[in-house]
Amino acid sequence: MDNMAYLQQIATPAGGGTKQPETTGKGFFSKIFNVWTALIFGVVIIFLIIVIVLSTVFSKVDSKDRDLMTRSYFAAQYLIDGTFRDYADEVKNSDIRNMTASLKGVLNEIILNESSLMLSVYGVEMRDLEESGIALDEKEKNSDLNIELENGRLNGLLDRTFLREVTMQIAYLISYQSECSARTKNKDIENFSVKAESNLKNIYEQFYNFKSPTI
């Protein structure tokens, strides 16, 4: 073998063919594809999280009128069945007793209509909510109210205490009706809440502005 043939032999790859340079095209596009896939996947996950959060928020807002009706219903019921039953007849001032009788009429209307609306609009019986957090919260508030009234009675200040505390309870009921009418999307609920708020405001003015030298 001459020198030229030997040099050609050692320059040829072992496989006998010419070695082709490796292409990096496939690896490059694979990397780009993986980056975009990760970005798209991340955006989709974020979008789904936002949708879930917004759905939860709007769901809570949509049920707010129902919660307010529940709160108003039980506040009215406990006032009549607890507070007024035990203390209204103990009040000495006849004008306060007359105002309380008018308030009881408004509260009975609230109880009747909110029970009916809850059933017709949401298919829920109010009596089924007696152990709910809202009902129990209102029951506790009424218990605290009755403790205040009992202290007033024991100290010979029932009329003054009754006037002050019942005025505050009416203010709470007004706020429930006002917020309910603003929140609800149901026209029947809105109409009744506006009416109940107006009736309560009339009674509130009587209690708030009441003056008597005897108390």
C-alpha atoms as a PDB file:
ATOM      1  CA  MET A   1       0.000   0.000   0.000  1.00  0.00           C
ATOM      2  CA  ASP A   2       1.540   3.322  -1.010  1.00  0.00           C
ATOM      3  CA  ASN A   3       1.480   6.344   1.247  1.00  0.00           C
ATOM      4  CA  MET A   4      -1.529   7.968  -0.499  1.00  0.00           C
ATOM      5  CA  ALA A   5      -3.724   4.848  -0.118  1.00  0.00           C
ATOM      6  CA  TYR A   6      -2.768   4.531   3.560  1.00  0.00           C
ATOM      7  CA  LEU A   7      -3.718   8.129   4.317  1.00  0.00           C
ATOM      8  CA  GLN A   8      -7.113   7.685   2.615  1.00  0.00           C
ATOM      9  CA  GLN A   9      -7.761   4.508   4.616  1.00  0.00           C
ATOM     10  CA  ILE A  10      -7.159   6.054   8.032  1.00  0.00           C
ATOM     11  CA  ALA A  11      -9.233   9.134   7.099  1.00  0.00           C
ATOM     12  CA  THR A  12     -12.331   7.019   6.296  1.00  0.00           C
ATOM     13  CA  PRO A  13     -14.739   6.276   9.250  1.00  0.00           C
ATOM     14  CA  ALA A  14     -14.961   2.730  10.467  1.00  0.00           C
ATOM     15  CA  GLY A  15     -18.457   2.299   9.064  1.00  0.00           C
ATOM     16  CA  GLY A  16     -17.222   3.032   5.614  1.00  0.00           C
ATOM     17  CA  GLY A  17     -19.435   6.062   4.989  1.00  0.00           C
ATOM     18  CA  THR A  18     -18.837   9.731   5.350  1.00  0.00           C
ATOM     19  CA  LYS A  19     -19.771  11.023   8.841  1.00  0.00           C
ATOM     20  CA  GLN A  20     -22.527  13.628   8.689  1.00  0.00           C
ATOM     21  CA  PRO A  21     -22.543  16.502  11.085  1.00  0.00           C
ATOM     22  CA  GLU A  22     -25.229  16.194  13.818  1.00  0.00           C
ATOM     23  CA  THR A  23     -28.262  18.391  13.335  1.00  0.00           C
ATOM     24  CA  THR A  24     -29.522  20.447  16.225  1.00  0.00           C
ATOM     25  CA  GLY A  25     -32.794  21.464  14.587  1.00  0.00           C
ATOM     26  CA  LYS A  26     -34.898  18.806  16.248  1.00  0.00           C
ATOM     27  CA  GLY A  27     -33.508  19.574  19.693  1.00  0.00           C
ATOM     28  CA  PHE A  28     -34.037  23.320  19.222  1.00  0.00           C
ATOM     29  CA  PHE A  29     -37.700  23.014  18.198  1.00  0.00           C
ATOM     30  CA  SER A  30     -38.286  20.508  20.984  1.00  0.00           C
ATOM     31  CA  LYS A  31     -37.026  23.001  23.544  1.00  0.00           C
ATOM     32  CA  ILE A  32     -39.172  25.817  22.099  1.00  0.00           C
ATOM     33  CA  PHE A  33     -42.239  23.551  22.056  1.00  0.00           C
ATOM     34  CA  ASN A  34     -41.698  22.566  25.709  1.00  0.00           C
ATOM     35  CA  VAL A  35     -41.402  26.217  26.828  1.00  0.00           C
ATOM     36  CA  TRP A  36     -44.609  27.247  25.058  1.00  0.00           C
ATOM     37  CA  THR A  37     -46.418  24.180  26.365  1.00  0.00           C
ATOM     38  CA  ALA A  38     -45.411  25.056  29.921  1.00  0.00           C
ATOM     39  CA  LEU A  39     -46.497  28.689  29.464  1.00  0.00           C
ATOM     40  CA  ILE A  40     -49.874  27.719  28.009  1.00  0.00           C
ATOM     41  CA  PHE A  41     -50.439  25.146  30.723  1.00  0.00           C
ATOM     42  CA  GLY A  42     -49.614  27.725  33.406  1.00  0.00           C
ATOM     43  CA  VAL A  43     -52.004  30.288  31.912  1.00  0.00           C
ATOM     44  CA  VAL A  44     -54.792  27.703  31.755  1.00  0.00           C
ATOM     45  CA  ILE A  45     -54.269  26.763  35.418  1.00  0.00           C
ATOM     46  CA  ILE A  46     -54.334  30.431  36.492  1.00  0.00           C
ATOM     47  CA  PHE A  47     -57.488  31.020  34.439  1.00  0.00           C
ATOM     48  CA  LEU A  48     -59.222  28.044  36.063  1.00  0.00           C
ATOM     49  CA  ILE A  49     -58.269  29.265  39.526  1.00  0.00           C
ATOM     50  CA  ILE A  50     -59.684  32.719  38.775  1.00  0.00           C
ATOM     51  CA  VAL A  51     -62.918  31.206  37.445  1.00  0.00           C
ATOM     52  CA  ILE A  52     -63.322  29.047  40.575  1.00  0.00           C
ATOM     53  CA  VAL A  53     -62.667  31.993  42.914  1.00  0.00           C
ATOM     54  CA  LEU A  54     -65.091  34.277  41.064  1.00  0.00           C
ATOM     55  CA  SER A  55     -67.751  31.565  40.987  1.00  0.00           C
ATOM     56  CA  THR A  56     -67.436  31.115  44.740  1.00  0.00           C
ATOM     57  CA  VAL A  57     -67.642  34.855  45.380  1.00  0.00           C
ATOM     58  CA  PHE A  58     -70.675  35.377  43.166  1.00  0.00           C
ATOM     59  CA  SER A  59     -72.364  32.331  44.665  1.00  0.00           C
ATOM     60  CA  LYS A  60     -72.022  33.855  48.131  1.00  0.00           C
ATOM     61  CA  VAL A  61     -73.356  37.203  46.943  1.00  0.00           C
ATOM     62  CA  ASP A  62     -76.351  35.531  45.305  1.00  0.00           C
ATOM     63  CA  SER A  63     -77.371  33.854  48.574  1.00  0.00           C
ATOM     64  CA  LYS A  64     -77.000  36.991  50.666  1.00  0.00           C
ATOM     65  CA  ASP A  65     -80.663  37.959  50.412  1.00  0.00           C
ATOM     66  CA  ARG A  66     -81.645  34.526  51.716  1.00  0.00           C
ATOM     67  CA  ASP A  67     -79.275  34.897  54.680  1.00  0.00           C
ATOM     68  CA  LEU A  68     -80.681  38.329  55.471  1.00  0.00           C
ATOM     69  CA  MET A  69     -84.264  37.092  55.307  1.00  0.00           C
ATOM     70  CA  THR A  70     -83.326  34.243  57.631  1.00  0.00           C
ATOM     71  CA  ARG A  71     -81.707  36.663  60.068  1.00  0.00           C
ATOM     72  CA  SER A  72     -84.673  39.042  59.934  1.00  0.00           C
ATOM     73  CA  TYR A  73     -87.186  36.215  60.377  1.00  0.00           C
ATOM     74  CA  PHE A  74     -85.575  34.778  63.496  1.00  0.00           C
ATOM     75  CA  ALA A  75     -84.836  38.192  65.009  1.00  0.00           C
ATOM     76  CA  ALA A  76     -88.537  39.044  64.670  1.00  0.00           C
ATOM     77  CA  GLN A  77     -89.651  35.661  65.991  1.00  0.00           C
ATOM     78  CA  TYR A  78     -87.431  35.793  69.078  1.00  0.00           C
ATOM     79  CA  LEU A  79     -88.546  39.336  69.848  1.00  0.00           C
ATOM     80  CA  ILE A  80     -92.188  38.262  69.866  1.00  0.00           C
ATOM     81  CA  ASP A  81     -91.855  34.827  71.463  1.00  0.00           C
ATOM     82  CA  GLY A  82     -89.168  35.746  73.959  1.00  0.00           C
ATOM     83  CA  THR A  83     -88.804  39.424  74.708  1.00  0.00           C
ATOM     84  CA  PHE A  84     -92.335  40.738  74.273  1.00  0.00           C
ATOM     85  CA  ARG A  85     -93.968  37.717  75.841  1.00  0.00           C
ATOM     86  CA  ASP A  86     -91.929  38.168  79.013  1.00  0.00           C
ATOM     87  CA  TYR A  87     -91.474  41.923  79.263  1.00  0.00           C
ATOM     88  CA  ALA A  88     -93.987  43.910  77.169  1.00  0.00           C
ATOM     89  CA  ASP A  89     -96.757  43.576  79.747  1.00  0.00           C
ATOM     90  CA  GLU A  90     -94.330  44.547  82.509  1.00  0.00           C
ATOM     91  CA  VAL A  91     -93.802  47.986  80.949  1.00  0.00           C
ATOM     92  CA  LYS A  92     -95.733  50.613  82.915  1.00  0.00           C
ATOM     93  CA  ASN A  93     -95.950  53.361  80.311  1.00  0.00           C
ATOM     94  CA  SER A  94     -99.099  52.854  78.187  1.00  0.00           C
ATOM     95  CA  ASP A  95     -97.661  54.713  75.192  1.00  0.00           C
ATOM     96  CA  ILE A  96     -94.679  52.367  75.049  1.00  0.00           C
ATOM     97  CA  ARG A  97     -97.021  49.390  75.284  1.00  0.00           C
ATOM     98  CA  ASN A  98     -99.095  50.771  72.379  1.00  0.00           C
ATOM     99  CA  MET A  99     -95.983  51.320  70.255  1.00  0.00           C
ATOM    100  CA  THR A 100     -94.875  47.788  71.064  1.00  0.00           C
ATOM    101  CA  ALA A 101     -98.256  46.439  69.927  1.00  0.00           C
ATOM    102  CA  SER A 102     -97.784  48.249  66.592  1.00  0.00           C
ATOM    103  CA  LEU A 103     -94.267  46.826  66.305  1.00  0.00           C
ATOM    104  CA  LYS A 104     -95.590  43.306  66.953  1.00  0.00           C
ATOM    105  CA  GLY A 105     -97.964  43.757  64.008  1.00  0.00           C
ATOM    106  CA  VAL A 106     -95.047  44.670  61.725  1.00  0.00           C
ATOM    107  CA  LEU A 107     -92.958  41.777  63.050  1.00  0.00           C
ATOM    108  CA  ASN A 108     -95.764  39.278  62.484  1.00  0.00           C
ATOM    109  CA  GLU A 109     -96.030  40.515  58.900  1.00  0.00           C
ATOM    110  CA  ILE A 110     -92.282  40.030  58.446  1.00  0.00           C
ATOM    111  CA  ILE A 111     -92.442  36.492  59.859  1.00  0.00           C
ATOM    112  CA  LEU A 112     -95.389  35.516  57.662  1.00  0.00           C
ATOM    113  CA  ASN A 113     -94.079  36.991  54.407  1.00  0.00           C
ATOM    114  CA  GLU A 114     -90.435  35.995  54.765  1.00  0.00           C
ATOM    115  CA  SER A 115     -91.458  32.425  55.555  1.00  0.00           C
ATOM    116  CA  SER A 116     -93.670  32.382  52.454  1.00  0.00           C
ATOM    117  CA  LEU A 117     -91.017  33.970  50.218  1.00  0.00           C
ATOM    118  CA  MET A 118     -88.296  31.631  51.419  1.00  0.00           C
ATOM    119  CA  LEU A 119     -90.479  28.664  50.529  1.00  0.00           C
ATOM    120  CA  SER A 120     -91.740  29.946  47.167  1.00  0.00           C
ATOM    121  CA  VAL A 121     -88.442  31.366  45.914  1.00  0.00           C
ATOM    122  CA  TYR A 122     -85.887  28.974  47.439  1.00  0.00           C
ATOM    123  CA  GLY A 123     -87.990  25.955  48.419  1.00  0.00           C
ATOM    124  CA  VAL A 124     -86.745  26.213  52.015  1.00  0.00           C
ATOM    125  CA  GLU A 125     -88.858  25.939  55.170  1.00  0.00           C
ATOM    126  CA  MET A 126     -87.815  28.423  57.844  1.00  0.00           C
ATOM    127  CA  ARG A 127     -88.411  25.841  60.563  1.00  0.00           C
ATOM    128  CA  ASP A 128     -85.703  23.720  58.948  1.00  0.00           C
ATOM    129  CA  LEU A 129     -83.199  26.525  59.645  1.00  0.00           C
ATOM    130  CA  GLU A 130     -83.764  26.724  63.396  1.00  0.00           C
ATOM    131  CA  GLU A 131     -80.401  25.085  64.091  1.00  0.00           C
ATOM    132  CA  SER A 132     -78.516  27.075  61.445  1.00  0.00           C
ATOM    133  CA  GLY A 133     -75.702  29.406  62.424  1.00  0.00           C
ATOM    134  CA  ILE A 134     -77.779  32.483  61.636  1.00  0.00           C
ATOM    135  CA  ALA A 135     -80.766  31.352  63.723  1.00  0.00           C
ATOM    136  CA  LEU A 136     -78.553  30.438  66.670  1.00  0.00           C
ATOM    137  CA  ASP A 137     -76.736  33.764  66.408  1.00  0.00           C
ATOM    138  CA  GLU A 138     -80.049  35.655  66.576  1.00  0.00           C
ATOM    139  CA  LYS A 139     -81.153  33.496  69.489  1.00  0.00           C
ATOM    140  CA  GLU A 140     -77.990  34.402  71.391  1.00  0.00           C
ATOM    141  CA  LYS A 141     -78.523  38.096  70.657  1.00  0.00           C
ATOM    142  CA  ASN A 142     -82.071  37.845  71.959  1.00  0.00           C
ATOM    143  CA  SER A 143     -80.821  36.142  75.115  1.00  0.00           C
ATOM    144  CA  ASP A 144     -78.392  39.029  75.690  1.00  0.00           C
ATOM    145  CA  LEU A 145     -81.245  41.494  75.125  1.00  0.00           C
ATOM    146  CA  ASN A 146     -83.428  39.749  77.688  1.00  0.00           C
ATOM    147  CA  ILE A 147     -80.609  39.836  80.246  1.00  0.00           C
ATOM    148  CA  GLU A 148     -80.431  43.626  79.800  1.00  0.00           C
ATOM    149  CA  LEU A 149     -84.187  43.923  80.246  1.00  0.00           C
ATOM    150  CA  GLU A 150     -84.166  41.715  83.316  1.00  0.00           C
ATOM    151  CA  ASN A 151     -81.452  43.870  84.863  1.00  0.00           C
ATOM    152  CA  GLY A 152     -83.565  46.927  84.088  1.00  0.00           C
ATOM    153  CA  ARG A 153     -86.617  45.330  85.672  1.00  0.00           C
ATOM    154  CA  LEU A 154     -84.734  44.386  88.826  1.00  0.00           C
ATOM    155  CA  ASN A 155     -83.427  47.938  89.139  1.00  0.00           C
ATOM    156  CA  GLY A 156     -86.827  49.550  88.585  1.00  0.00           C
ATOM    157  CA  LEU A 157     -85.746  50.881  85.174  1.00  0.00           C
ATOM    158  CA  LEU A 158     -87.589  48.537  82.840  1.00  0.00           C
ATOM    159  CA  ASP A 159     -89.438  51.224  80.860  1.00  0.00           C
ATOM    160  CA  ARG A 160     -86.246  53.158  80.131  1.00  0.00           C
ATOM    161  CA  THR A 161     -84.265  50.020  79.328  1.00  0.00           C
ATOM    162  CA  PHE A 162     -87.055  48.566  77.182  1.00  0.00           C
ATOM    163  CA  LEU A 163     -87.354  51.781  75.174  1.00  0.00           C
ATOM    164  CA  ARG A 164     -83.608  51.977  74.527  1.00  0.00           C
ATOM    165  CA  GLU A 165     -83.047  48.312  73.710  1.00  0.00           C
ATOM    166  CA  VAL A 166     -86.109  47.826  71.497  1.00  0.00           C
ATOM    167  CA  THR A 167     -85.186  50.961  69.540  1.00  0.00           C
ATOM    168  CA  MET A 168     -81.823  49.324  68.820  1.00  0.00           C
ATOM    169  CA  GLN A 169     -83.487  46.063  67.758  1.00  0.00           C
ATOM    170  CA  ILE A 170     -85.670  47.953  65.283  1.00  0.00           C
ATOM    171  CA  ALA A 171     -82.544  49.582  63.838  1.00  0.00           C
ATOM    172  CA  TYR A 172     -81.029  46.123  63.270  1.00  0.00           C
ATOM    173  CA  LEU A 173     -84.176  44.941  61.498  1.00  0.00           C
ATOM    174  CA  ILE A 174     -84.178  48.033  59.275  1.00  0.00           C
ATOM    175  CA  SER A 175     -80.592  47.311  58.229  1.00  0.00           C
ATOM    176  CA  TYR A 176     -81.492  43.705  57.360  1.00  0.00           C
ATOM    177  CA  GLN A 177     -84.384  44.795  55.155  1.00  0.00           C
ATOM    178  CA  SER A 178     -82.403  47.576  53.514  1.00  0.00           C
ATOM    179  CA  GLU A 179     -79.506  45.314  52.579  1.00  0.00           C
ATOM    180  CA  CYS A 180     -81.847  42.535  51.464  1.00  0.00           C
ATOM    181  CA  SER A 181     -83.681  44.801  49.024  1.00  0.00           C
ATOM    182  CA  ALA A 182     -80.345  45.999  47.644  1.00  0.00           C
ATOM    183  CA  ARG A 183     -78.903  42.498  47.242  1.00  0.00           C
ATOM    184  CA  THR A 184     -81.788  40.437  45.948  1.00  0.00           C
ATOM    185  CA  LYS A 185     -82.500  39.757  42.294  1.00  0.00           C
ATOM    186  CA  ASN A 186     -86.055  38.628  43.044  1.00  0.00           C
ATOM    187  CA  LYS A 187     -88.697  41.313  42.570  1.00  0.00           C
ATOM    188  CA  ASP A 188     -91.117  39.895  45.152  1.00  0.00           C
ATOM    189  CA  ILE A 189     -88.424  39.820  47.822  1.00  0.00           C
ATOM    190  CA  GLU A 190     -87.319  43.329  46.915  1.00  0.00           C
ATOM    191  CA  ASN A 191     -90.855  44.717  47.079  1.00  0.00           C
ATOM    192  CA  PHE A 192     -91.571  43.217  50.468  1.00  0.00           C
ATOM    193  CA  SER A 193     -88.195  44.277  51.912  1.00  0.00           C
ATOM    194  CA  VAL A 194     -88.816  47.872  50.836  1.00  0.00           C
ATOM    195  CA  LYS A 195     -92.281  47.789  52.411  1.00  0.00           C
ATOM    196  CA  ALA A 196     -91.040  46.207  55.640  1.00  0.00           C
ATOM    197  CA  GLU A 197     -88.200  48.728  55.872  1.00  0.00           C
ATOM    198  CA  SER A 198     -90.664  51.598  55.511  1.00  0.00           C
ATOM    199  CA  ASN A 199     -92.962  50.200  58.212  1.00  0.00           C
ATOM    200  CA  LEU A 200     -90.058  49.623  60.569  1.00  0.00           C
ATOM    201  CA  LYS A 201     -88.761  53.152  60.035  1.00  0.00           C
ATOM    202  CA  ASN A 202     -92.132  54.576  61.056  1.00  0.00           C
ATOM    203  CA  ILE A 203     -92.065  52.546  64.275  1.00  0.00           C
ATOM    204  CA  TYR A 204     -88.408  53.433  64.844  1.00  0.00           C
ATOM    205  CA  GLU A 205     -89.201  57.160  64.725  1.00  0.00           C
ATOM    206  CA  GLN A 206     -91.862  56.679  67.383  1.00  0.00           C
ATOM    207  CA  PHE A 207     -89.503  54.827  69.711  1.00  0.00           C
ATOM    208  CA  TYR A 208     -86.477  57.023  69.030  1.00  0.00           C
ATOM    209  CA  ASN A 209     -88.308  60.316  69.543  1.00  0.00           C
ATOM    210  CA  PHE A 210     -90.399  59.186  72.506  1.00  0.00           C
ATOM    211  CA  LYS A 211     -90.143  61.409  75.536  1.00  0.00           C
ATOM    212  CA  SER A 212     -91.851  61.045  78.884  1.00  0.00           C
ATOM    213  CA  PRO A 213     -91.113  62.630  82.258  1.00  0.00           C
ATOM    214  CA  THR A 214     -92.007  59.335  83.959  1.00  0.00           C
ATOM    215  CA  ILE A 215     -89.010  57.487  82.505  1.00  0.00           C
END
